[in-house]
Amino acid sequence: MRLAGHPESCPYEQGLGRNPANYAPLTPISFLERAADVFPTRTAWIHGDMRASYAAFRARAHRLAAALAGRGVAPGDTVAVMLSNTPPMLEAHFGVPMAGAVLNSINIRLEPATIAYILEHGQAKVLLTDTEFAPTIKDVLGEVRRPPLVVDVVDRQLRGAGERLGELTYE
């Protein structure tokens, strides 16, 4: 294949294979690392009156990964999340894999019996859940044989946040 505007002797035309000198796969984690290195002060997310730069977003994802590891989450373990579209949900999509764990994002519209089945079947060690969903999660915790560590996420943008069920808060 000839690239437009490139001579026949162009290095891209030589059939050179991918190697560490000319190729690095872009994964979600490497994307965040690169964005934080290249655009550290640019806004990564906005949630109500809160904002975070890419550098701050990366730091929070790293802190989540370290906190999970500190609570005994090992590579291959499952971390379940039942969160709205909030910064902690975004951070979980990066922080959980940074810890080597598997992210199991649970649909917020499911009924307690299905959520309990998902937690049991996935062997979730940790559940990050928005206090908005406390009534549902309270029923779920009554149904599971081995309840995961519950971490309450209190969304400051939500008026009348629900009951805290866990021993920890996300922040």
N, C-alpha and C. Protein backbone atom coordinates (compact mmCIF):
# COMPACT_ATOMS: atom_id res chain seq x y z
N MET A 1 0.84 -1.17 0.00
CA MET A 1 0.00 0.00 0.00
C MET A 1 0.89 1.24 0.00
N ARG A 2 0.56 2.17 -0.86
CA ARG A 2 1.33 3.42 -0.95
C ARG A 2 0.55 4.52 -0.25
N LEU A 3 1.20 5.22 0.70
CA LEU A 3 0.56 6.33 1.39
C LEU A 3 0.63 7.57 0.52
N ALA A 4 -0.46 8.31 0.42
CA ALA A 4 -0.50 9.53 -0.39
C ALA A 4 0.56 10.51 0.10
N GLY A 5 1.31 11.06 -0.83
CA GLY A 5 2.29 12.08 -0.48
C GLY A 5 3.61 11.53 0.03
N HIS A 6 3.77 10.21 0.12
CA HIS A 6 5.01 9.62 0.59
C HIS A 6 5.72 8.92 -0.57
N PRO A 7 7.02 9.10 -0.63
CA PRO A 7 7.75 8.43 -1.72
C PRO A 7 7.80 6.92 -1.49
N GLU A 8 8.13 6.21 -2.53
CA GLU A 8 8.22 4.75 -2.45
C GLU A 8 9.23 4.30 -1.40
N SER A 9 10.23 5.12 -1.11
CA SER A 9 11.25 4.73 -0.14
C SER A 9 10.85 5.06 1.30
N CYS A 10 9.63 5.49 1.49
CA CYS A 10 9.15 5.84 2.83
C CYS A 10 9.29 4.63 3.76
N PRO A 11 9.74 4.84 5.00
CA PRO A 11 9.90 3.73 5.94
C PRO A 11 8.61 2.95 6.16
N TYR A 12 7.46 3.63 6.01
CA TYR A 12 6.20 2.94 6.21
C TYR A 12 5.93 1.91 5.12
N GLU A 13 6.62 2.06 4.01
CA GLU A 13 6.45 1.15 2.89
C GLU A 13 7.39 -0.05 2.96
N GLN A 14 8.24 -0.12 3.96
CA GLN A 14 9.27 -1.15 4.03
C GLN A 14 8.80 -2.43 4.71
N GLY A 15 7.59 -2.47 5.22
CA GLY A 15 7.09 -3.68 5.87
C GLY A 15 7.72 -3.95 7.22
N LEU A 16 8.16 -2.90 7.89
CA LEU A 16 8.76 -3.08 9.21
C LEU A 16 7.69 -3.53 10.20
N GLY A 17 8.00 -4.52 10.98
CA GLY A 17 7.06 -5.03 11.97
C GLY A 17 7.00 -4.13 13.19
N ARG A 18 5.97 -4.31 13.95
CA ARG A 18 5.84 -3.57 15.20
C ARG A 18 6.86 -4.06 16.21
N ASN A 19 7.46 -3.12 16.92
CA ASN A 19 8.39 -3.46 17.97
C ASN A 19 8.37 -2.33 18.99
N PRO A 20 9.01 -2.50 20.16
CA PRO A 20 8.96 -1.47 21.20
C PRO A 20 9.46 -0.09 20.75
N ALA A 21 10.29 -0.04 19.72
CA ALA A 21 10.83 1.23 19.26
C ALA A 21 9.81 2.03 18.44
N ASN A 22 8.83 1.34 17.83
CA ASN A 22 7.91 2.06 16.96
C ASN A 22 6.43 1.83 17.26
N TYR A 23 6.14 1.11 18.34
CA TYR A 23 4.74 0.80 18.62
C TYR A 23 4.52 0.54 20.11
N ALA A 24 3.48 1.11 20.65
CA ALA A 24 3.05 0.82 22.02
C ALA A 24 1.53 0.74 21.99
N PRO A 25 0.96 -0.35 22.47
CA PRO A 25 -0.50 -0.46 22.44
C PRO A 25 -1.13 0.60 23.35
N LEU A 26 -2.26 1.13 22.92
CA LEU A 26 -2.98 2.11 23.71
C LEU A 26 -4.10 1.39 24.46
N THR A 27 -3.91 1.26 25.76
CA THR A 27 -4.93 0.65 26.62
C THR A 27 -5.62 1.77 27.37
N PRO A 28 -6.75 1.52 28.01
CA PRO A 28 -7.36 2.59 28.80
C PRO A 28 -6.40 3.17 29.85
N ILE A 29 -5.65 2.31 30.51
CA ILE A 29 -4.72 2.81 31.54
C ILE A 29 -3.60 3.62 30.90
N SER A 30 -3.03 3.13 29.81
CA SER A 30 -1.95 3.90 29.17
C SER A 30 -2.50 5.19 28.56
N PHE A 31 -3.76 5.20 28.14
CA PHE A 31 -4.38 6.43 27.64
C PHE A 31 -4.42 7.48 28.75
N LEU A 32 -4.86 7.07 29.94
CA LEU A 32 -4.92 8.01 31.06
C LEU A 32 -3.52 8.48 31.44
N GLU A 33 -2.57 7.57 31.48
CA GLU A 33 -1.19 7.94 31.82
C GLU A 33 -0.66 8.96 30.82
N ARG A 34 -0.89 8.72 29.53
CA ARG A 34 -0.41 9.64 28.50
C ARG A 34 -1.12 10.98 28.60
N ALA A 35 -2.44 10.96 28.78
CA ALA A 35 -3.19 12.21 28.88
C ALA A 35 -2.70 13.04 30.06
N ALA A 36 -2.42 12.39 31.18
CA ALA A 36 -1.94 13.10 32.36
C ALA A 36 -0.52 13.64 32.16
N ASP A 37 0.29 12.93 31.37
CA ASP A 37 1.65 13.41 31.09
C ASP A 37 1.63 14.57 30.09
N VAL A 38 0.80 14.45 29.05
CA VAL A 38 0.80 15.44 27.97
C VAL A 38 -0.08 16.65 28.30
N PHE A 39 -1.21 16.42 28.96
CA PHE A 39 -2.17 17.49 29.27
C PHE A 39 -2.50 17.51 30.76
N PRO A 40 -1.51 17.64 31.63
CA PRO A 40 -1.76 17.51 33.06
C PRO A 40 -2.77 18.50 33.63
N THR A 41 -2.84 19.70 33.06
CA THR A 41 -3.72 20.73 33.65
C THR A 41 -5.06 20.84 32.93
N ARG A 42 -5.23 20.12 31.86
CA ARG A 42 -6.51 20.19 31.14
C ARG A 42 -7.59 19.47 31.93
N THR A 43 -8.82 19.90 31.76
CA THR A 43 -9.94 19.33 32.48
C THR A 43 -10.26 17.93 31.96
N ALA A 44 -10.27 16.96 32.86
CA ALA A 44 -10.60 15.58 32.52
C ALA A 44 -12.09 15.32 32.69
N TRP A 45 -12.66 15.87 33.76
CA TRP A 45 -14.10 15.70 33.99
C TRP A 45 -14.67 16.87 34.77
N ILE A 46 -15.98 17.06 34.58
CA ILE A 46 -16.74 18.07 35.32
C ILE A 46 -17.97 17.37 35.88
N HIS A 47 -18.24 17.61 37.15
CA HIS A 47 -19.43 17.03 37.79
C HIS A 47 -20.02 18.10 38.70
N GLY A 48 -21.09 18.73 38.23
CA GLY A 48 -21.65 19.84 38.98
C GLY A 48 -20.63 20.95 39.12
N ASP A 49 -20.32 21.33 40.35
CA ASP A 49 -19.34 22.38 40.59
C ASP A 49 -17.92 21.84 40.78
N MET A 50 -17.74 20.56 40.60
CA MET A 50 -16.42 19.94 40.77
C MET A 50 -15.77 19.71 39.40
N ARG A 51 -14.44 19.85 39.37
CA ARG A 51 -13.65 19.60 38.17
C ARG A 51 -12.37 18.88 38.59
N ALA A 52 -11.82 18.12 37.67
CA ALA A 52 -10.50 17.52 37.92
C ALA A 52 -9.68 17.58 36.64
N SER A 53 -8.41 17.90 36.80
CA SER A 53 -7.47 17.86 35.67
C SER A 53 -7.10 16.41 35.41
N TYR A 54 -6.43 16.18 34.29
CA TYR A 54 -5.98 14.82 34.00
C TYR A 54 -4.97 14.35 35.04
N ALA A 55 -4.12 15.25 35.53
CA ALA A 55 -3.16 14.85 36.56
C ALA A 55 -3.89 14.44 37.84
N ALA A 56 -4.90 15.20 38.23
CA ALA A 56 -5.66 14.86 39.44
C ALA A 56 -6.47 13.58 39.24
N PHE A 57 -7.04 13.42 38.06
CA PHE A 57 -7.80 12.21 37.74
C PHE A 57 -6.90 10.97 37.84
N ARG A 58 -5.70 11.07 37.26
CA ARG A 58 -4.76 9.95 37.35
C ARG A 58 -4.39 9.67 38.80
N ALA A 59 -4.14 10.71 39.57
CA ALA A 59 -3.75 10.52 40.97
C ALA A 59 -4.88 9.84 41.75
N ARG A 60 -6.12 10.23 41.49
CA ARG A 60 -7.25 9.60 42.19
C ARG A 60 -7.42 8.14 41.78
N ALA A 61 -7.21 7.84 40.51
CA ALA A 61 -7.30 6.44 40.06
C ALA A 61 -6.20 5.60 40.72
N HIS A 62 -4.99 6.18 40.82
CA HIS A 62 -3.89 5.47 41.50
C HIS A 62 -4.21 5.26 42.98
N ARG A 63 -4.81 6.27 43.62
CA ARG A 63 -5.18 6.13 45.04
C ARG A 63 -6.24 5.05 45.22
N LEU A 64 -7.20 4.98 44.30
CA LEU A 64 -8.20 3.92 44.38
C LEU A 64 -7.53 2.55 44.25
N ALA A 65 -6.63 2.41 43.30
CA ALA A 65 -5.92 1.14 43.12
C ALA A 65 -5.15 0.77 44.39
N ALA A 66 -4.47 1.73 44.98
CA ALA A 66 -3.70 1.47 46.20
C ALA A 66 -4.63 1.13 47.37
N ALA A 67 -5.76 1.82 47.47
CA ALA A 67 -6.71 1.54 48.55
C ALA A 67 -7.29 0.13 48.41
N LEU A 68 -7.59 -0.27 47.19
CA LEU A 68 -8.11 -1.63 46.97
C LEU A 68 -7.05 -2.67 47.36
N ALA A 69 -5.83 -2.46 46.91
CA ALA A 69 -4.74 -3.39 47.26
C ALA A 69 -4.55 -3.42 48.78
N GLY A 70 -4.65 -2.27 49.42
CA GLY A 70 -4.51 -2.20 50.87
C GLY A 70 -5.61 -2.94 51.62
N ARG A 71 -6.74 -3.11 50.97
CA ARG A 71 -7.85 -3.86 51.56
C ARG A 71 -7.86 -5.32 51.12
N GLY A 72 -6.77 -5.77 50.53
CA GLY A 72 -6.64 -7.19 50.19
C GLY A 72 -7.11 -7.58 48.80
N VAL A 73 -7.44 -6.62 47.96
CA VAL A 73 -7.83 -6.95 46.59
C VAL A 73 -6.58 -7.30 45.80
N ALA A 74 -6.56 -8.50 45.27
CA ALA A 74 -5.40 -9.00 44.54
C ALA A 74 -5.74 -9.10 43.05
N PRO A 75 -4.71 -9.20 42.20
CA PRO A 75 -4.99 -9.37 40.77
C PRO A 75 -5.93 -10.56 40.53
N GLY A 76 -6.94 -10.30 39.70
CA GLY A 76 -7.93 -11.32 39.39
C GLY A 76 -9.17 -11.26 40.27
N ASP A 77 -9.10 -10.56 41.40
CA ASP A 77 -10.29 -10.41 42.25
C ASP A 77 -11.30 -9.50 41.56
N THR A 78 -12.55 -9.61 41.99
CA THR A 78 -13.62 -8.81 41.41
C THR A 78 -14.00 -7.67 42.32
N VAL A 79 -14.12 -6.49 41.73
CA VAL A 79 -14.64 -5.31 42.41
C VAL A 79 -15.90 -4.91 41.66
N ALA A 80 -17.03 -4.95 42.36
CA ALA A 80 -18.30 -4.58 41.76
C ALA A 80 -18.59 -3.12 42.06
N VAL A 81 -19.26 -2.47 41.13
CA VAL A 81 -19.66 -1.08 41.33
C VAL A 81 -21.12 -0.94 40.94
N MET A 82 -21.86 -0.21 41.77
CA MET A 82 -23.23 0.17 41.43
C MET A 82 -23.30 1.67 41.65
N LEU A 83 -22.96 2.38 40.58
CA LEU A 83 -22.79 3.82 40.65
C LEU A 83 -23.48 4.50 39.48
N SER A 84 -23.89 5.73 39.71
CA SER A 84 -24.38 6.57 38.62
C SER A 84 -23.18 7.05 37.83
N ASN A 85 -23.45 7.83 36.80
CA ASN A 85 -22.40 8.38 35.96
C ASN A 85 -21.74 9.54 36.69
N THR A 86 -20.83 9.21 37.60
CA THR A 86 -20.17 10.18 38.48
C THR A 86 -18.65 9.97 38.41
N PRO A 87 -17.88 10.91 38.94
CA PRO A 87 -16.43 10.73 38.93
C PRO A 87 -15.95 9.41 39.55
N PRO A 88 -16.52 8.94 40.68
CA PRO A 88 -16.05 7.64 41.19
C PRO A 88 -16.27 6.48 40.21
N MET A 89 -17.33 6.55 39.40
CA MET A 89 -17.53 5.50 38.39
C MET A 89 -16.42 5.57 37.35
N LEU A 90 -16.10 6.77 36.91
CA LEU A 90 -15.02 6.94 35.95
C LEU A 90 -13.69 6.48 36.55
N GLU A 91 -13.43 6.88 37.78
CA GLU A 91 -12.18 6.48 38.44
C GLU A 91 -12.10 4.97 38.62
N ALA A 92 -13.23 4.32 38.87
CA ALA A 92 -13.24 2.86 39.02
C ALA A 92 -12.85 2.17 37.72
N HIS A 93 -13.24 2.76 36.59
CA HIS A 93 -12.90 2.15 35.30
C HIS A 93 -11.39 2.14 35.04
N PHE A 94 -10.66 2.95 35.75
CA PHE A 94 -9.20 2.97 35.61
C PHE A 94 -8.52 2.39 36.85
N GLY A 95 -8.98 2.76 38.04
CA GLY A 95 -8.34 2.33 39.28
C GLY A 95 -8.46 0.84 39.54
N VAL A 96 -9.59 0.25 39.22
CA VAL A 96 -9.76 -1.20 39.45
C VAL A 96 -8.79 -1.99 38.58
N PRO A 97 -8.71 -1.74 37.26
CA PRO A 97 -7.71 -2.47 36.47
C PRO A 97 -6.27 -2.15 36.87
N MET A 98 -6.01 -0.93 37.35
CA MET A 98 -4.66 -0.60 37.82
C MET A 98 -4.26 -1.51 38.98
N ALA A 99 -5.25 -1.94 39.77
CA ALA A 99 -4.98 -2.86 40.88
C ALA A 99 -4.90 -4.30 40.39
N GLY A 100 -5.14 -4.51 39.11
CA GLY A 100 -5.12 -5.86 38.55
C GLY A 100 -6.43 -6.61 38.75
N ALA A 101 -7.43 -5.91 39.27
CA ALA A 101 -8.72 -6.55 39.55
C ALA A 101 -9.66 -6.43 38.35
N VAL A 102 -10.76 -7.15 38.45
CA VAL A 102 -11.78 -7.18 37.41
C VAL A 102 -12.92 -6.27 37.84
N LEU A 103 -13.31 -5.35 36.97
CA LEU A 103 -14.42 -4.44 37.26
C LEU A 103 -15.73 -5.08 36.82
N ASN A 104 -16.69 -5.15 37.73
CA ASN A 104 -18.02 -5.66 37.42
C ASN A 104 -19.01 -4.53 37.67
N SER A 105 -19.38 -3.84 36.61
CA SER A 105 -20.29 -2.71 36.72
C SER A 105 -21.73 -3.24 36.65
N ILE A 106 -22.48 -2.97 37.71
CA ILE A 106 -23.84 -3.52 37.83
C ILE A 106 -24.85 -2.46 37.42
N ASN A 107 -25.80 -2.87 36.61
CA ASN A 107 -26.86 -1.99 36.14
C ASN A 107 -27.68 -1.50 37.33
N ILE A 108 -27.86 -0.20 37.44
CA ILE A 108 -28.55 0.39 38.59
C ILE A 108 -30.05 0.11 38.57
N ARG A 109 -30.57 -0.44 37.50
CA ARG A 109 -32.01 -0.69 37.41
C ARG A 109 -32.40 -2.13 37.76
N LEU A 110 -31.44 -2.95 38.12
CA LEU A 110 -31.74 -4.34 38.44
C LEU A 110 -32.37 -4.47 39.83
N GLU A 111 -33.12 -5.55 40.01
CA GLU A 111 -33.75 -5.81 41.30
C GLU A 111 -32.76 -6.53 42.23
N PRO A 112 -33.02 -6.47 43.54
CA PRO A 112 -32.07 -7.01 44.53
C PRO A 112 -31.66 -8.47 44.29
N ALA A 113 -32.59 -9.33 43.92
CA ALA A 113 -32.25 -10.75 43.74
C ALA A 113 -31.21 -10.93 42.63
N THR A 114 -31.35 -10.18 41.55
CA THR A 114 -30.40 -10.28 40.44
C THR A 114 -29.04 -9.71 40.84
N ILE A 115 -29.05 -8.61 41.55
CA ILE A 115 -27.78 -8.01 42.01
C ILE A 115 -27.07 -8.97 42.97
N ALA A 116 -27.83 -9.58 43.86
CA ALA A 116 -27.24 -10.55 44.80
C ALA A 116 -26.62 -11.71 44.03
N TYR A 117 -27.32 -12.20 43.00
CA TYR A 117 -26.78 -13.28 42.18
C TYR A 117 -25.47 -12.84 41.52
N ILE A 118 -25.45 -11.62 40.97
CA ILE A 118 -24.25 -11.11 40.29
C ILE A 118 -23.07 -11.02 41.27
N LEU A 119 -23.32 -10.51 42.46
CA LEU A 119 -22.25 -10.40 43.46
C LEU A 119 -21.72 -11.78 43.86
N GLU A 120 -22.63 -12.72 44.08
CA GLU A 120 -22.22 -14.09 44.46
C GLU A 120 -21.47 -14.77 43.32
N HIS A 121 -22.06 -14.72 42.13
CA HIS A 121 -21.47 -15.42 40.99
C HIS A 121 -20.10 -14.83 40.62
N GLY A 122 -19.97 -13.49 40.72
CA GLY A 122 -18.70 -12.85 40.39
C GLY A 122 -17.71 -12.86 41.54
N GLN A 123 -18.14 -13.35 42.71
CA GLN A 123 -17.30 -13.40 43.90
C GLN A 123 -16.67 -12.05 44.21
N ALA A 124 -17.53 -11.02 44.20
CA ALA A 124 -17.04 -9.66 44.47
C ALA A 124 -16.47 -9.56 45.87
N LYS A 125 -15.25 -9.03 45.96
CA LYS A 125 -14.63 -8.78 47.26
C LYS A 125 -15.03 -7.41 47.79
N VAL A 126 -15.28 -6.47 46.87
CA VAL A 126 -15.62 -5.10 47.23
C VAL A 126 -16.80 -4.66 46.38
N LEU A 127 -17.67 -3.86 46.99
CA LEU A 127 -18.78 -3.23 46.26
C LEU A 127 -18.72 -1.73 46.53
N LEU A 128 -18.47 -0.96 45.47
CA LEU A 128 -18.56 0.49 45.55
C LEU A 128 -19.99 0.83 45.16
N THR A 129 -20.72 1.50 46.03
CA THR A 129 -22.12 1.79 45.73
C THR A 129 -22.51 3.19 46.18
N ASP A 130 -23.26 3.84 45.34
CA ASP A 130 -23.77 5.17 45.64
C ASP A 130 -24.83 5.05 46.73
N THR A 131 -24.78 5.95 47.71
CA THR A 131 -25.77 5.90 48.79
C THR A 131 -27.19 6.10 48.26
N GLU A 132 -27.32 6.64 47.08
CA GLU A 132 -28.63 6.78 46.43
C GLU A 132 -29.33 5.43 46.29
N PHE A 133 -28.55 4.36 46.16
CA PHE A 133 -29.10 3.03 45.95
C PHE A 133 -29.18 2.21 47.24
N ALA A 134 -29.05 2.86 48.38
CA ALA A 134 -29.03 2.17 49.67
C ALA A 134 -30.25 1.27 49.90
N PRO A 135 -31.48 1.68 49.58
CA PRO A 135 -32.61 0.78 49.81
C PRO A 135 -32.46 -0.55 49.06
N THR A 136 -32.00 -0.49 47.82
CA THR A 136 -31.80 -1.71 47.04
C THR A 136 -30.64 -2.53 47.60
N ILE A 137 -29.52 -1.87 47.88
CA ILE A 137 -28.34 -2.58 48.36
C ILE A 137 -28.59 -3.21 49.73
N LYS A 138 -29.37 -2.56 50.56
CA LYS A 138 -29.70 -3.13 51.87
C LYS A 138 -30.39 -4.48 51.68
N ASP A 139 -31.33 -4.55 50.73
CA ASP A 139 -31.99 -5.83 50.43
C ASP A 139 -31.01 -6.85 49.87
N VAL A 140 -30.09 -6.38 49.01
CA VAL A 140 -29.09 -7.26 48.40
C VAL A 140 -28.22 -7.88 49.49
N LEU A 141 -27.75 -7.07 50.41
CA LEU A 141 -26.85 -7.57 51.46
C LEU A 141 -27.53 -8.60 52.35
N GLY A 142 -28.84 -8.53 52.45
CA GLY A 142 -29.58 -9.53 53.20
C GLY A 142 -29.70 -10.87 52.48
N GLU A 143 -29.41 -10.88 51.19
CA GLU A 143 -29.55 -12.10 50.38
C GLU A 143 -28.24 -12.82 50.09
N VAL A 144 -27.10 -12.12 50.17
CA VAL A 144 -25.83 -12.76 49.81
C VAL A 144 -25.25 -13.54 50.98
N ARG A 145 -24.61 -14.67 50.67
CA ARG A 145 -23.99 -15.50 51.71
C ARG A 145 -22.70 -14.88 52.23
N ARG A 146 -21.91 -14.32 51.31
CA ARG A 146 -20.65 -13.68 51.67
C ARG A 146 -20.69 -12.22 51.21
N PRO A 147 -21.15 -11.34 52.07
CA PRO A 147 -21.22 -9.93 51.65
C PRO A 147 -19.83 -9.37 51.36
N PRO A 148 -19.72 -8.60 50.28
CA PRO A 148 -18.43 -7.95 50.00
C PRO A 148 -18.22 -6.78 50.95
N LEU A 149 -17.02 -6.26 50.96
CA LEU A 149 -16.73 -5.01 51.66
C LEU A 149 -17.51 -3.92 50.92
N VAL A 150 -18.38 -3.23 51.63
CA VAL A 150 -19.20 -2.17 51.01
C VAL A 150 -18.54 -0.83 51.26
N VAL A 151 -18.33 -0.10 50.17
CA VAL A 151 -17.76 1.25 50.23
C VAL A 151 -18.83 2.20 49.71
N ASP A 152 -19.29 3.09 50.59
CA ASP A 152 -20.33 4.04 50.22
C ASP A 152 -19.75 5.22 49.46
N VAL A 153 -20.39 5.54 48.35
CA VAL A 153 -20.04 6.73 47.58
C VAL A 153 -21.13 7.76 47.81
N VAL A 154 -20.75 8.87 48.41
CA VAL A 154 -21.70 9.94 48.70
C VAL A 154 -21.52 11.03 47.65
N ASP A 155 -22.50 11.17 46.79
CA ASP A 155 -22.44 12.15 45.71
C ASP A 155 -22.92 13.51 46.24
N ARG A 156 -21.99 14.46 46.34
CA ARG A 156 -22.34 15.79 46.85
C ARG A 156 -23.35 16.51 45.98
N GLN A 157 -23.46 16.10 44.72
CA GLN A 157 -24.39 16.76 43.80
C GLN A 157 -25.83 16.27 44.00
N LEU A 158 -26.00 15.19 44.73
CA LEU A 158 -27.32 14.60 44.95
C LEU A 158 -27.89 15.10 46.25
N ARG A 159 -29.05 15.69 46.18
CA ARG A 159 -29.71 16.16 47.40
C ARG A 159 -30.40 14.97 48.06
N GLY A 160 -30.29 14.90 49.38
CA GLY A 160 -30.94 13.81 50.10
C GLY A 160 -30.30 12.47 49.83
N ALA A 161 -28.97 12.43 49.83
CA ALA A 161 -28.26 11.17 49.61
C ALA A 161 -28.76 10.12 50.60
N GLY A 162 -28.73 8.89 50.19
CA GLY A 162 -29.27 7.79 50.99
C GLY A 162 -28.41 7.39 52.17
N GLU A 163 -28.85 6.34 52.79
CA GLU A 163 -28.22 5.80 53.99
C GLU A 163 -26.86 5.18 53.68
N ARG A 164 -25.95 5.33 54.63
CA ARG A 164 -24.65 4.66 54.52
C ARG A 164 -24.79 3.23 55.02
N LEU A 165 -24.28 2.29 54.24
CA LEU A 165 -24.37 0.87 54.59
C LEU A 165 -23.02 0.25 54.88
N GLY A 166 -21.95 0.83 54.37
CA GLY A 166 -20.63 0.26 54.51
C GLY A 166 -19.87 0.81 55.70
N GLU A 167 -18.71 0.21 55.91
CA GLU A 167 -17.85 0.69 56.99
C GLU A 167 -16.92 1.79 56.52
N LEU A 168 -16.88 2.01 55.20
CA LEU A 168 -16.00 3.04 54.61
C LEU A 168 -16.79 3.92 53.65
N THR A 169 -16.29 5.14 53.46
CA THR A 169 -16.79 5.96 52.37
C THR A 169 -15.71 6.04 51.32
N TYR A 170 -16.09 6.33 50.11
CA TYR A 170 -15.16 6.38 48.99
C TYR A 170 -14.07 7.42 49.22
N GLU A 171 -14.44 8.58 49.66
CA GLU A 171 -13.43 9.64 49.87
C GLU A 171 -12.55 9.32 51.06
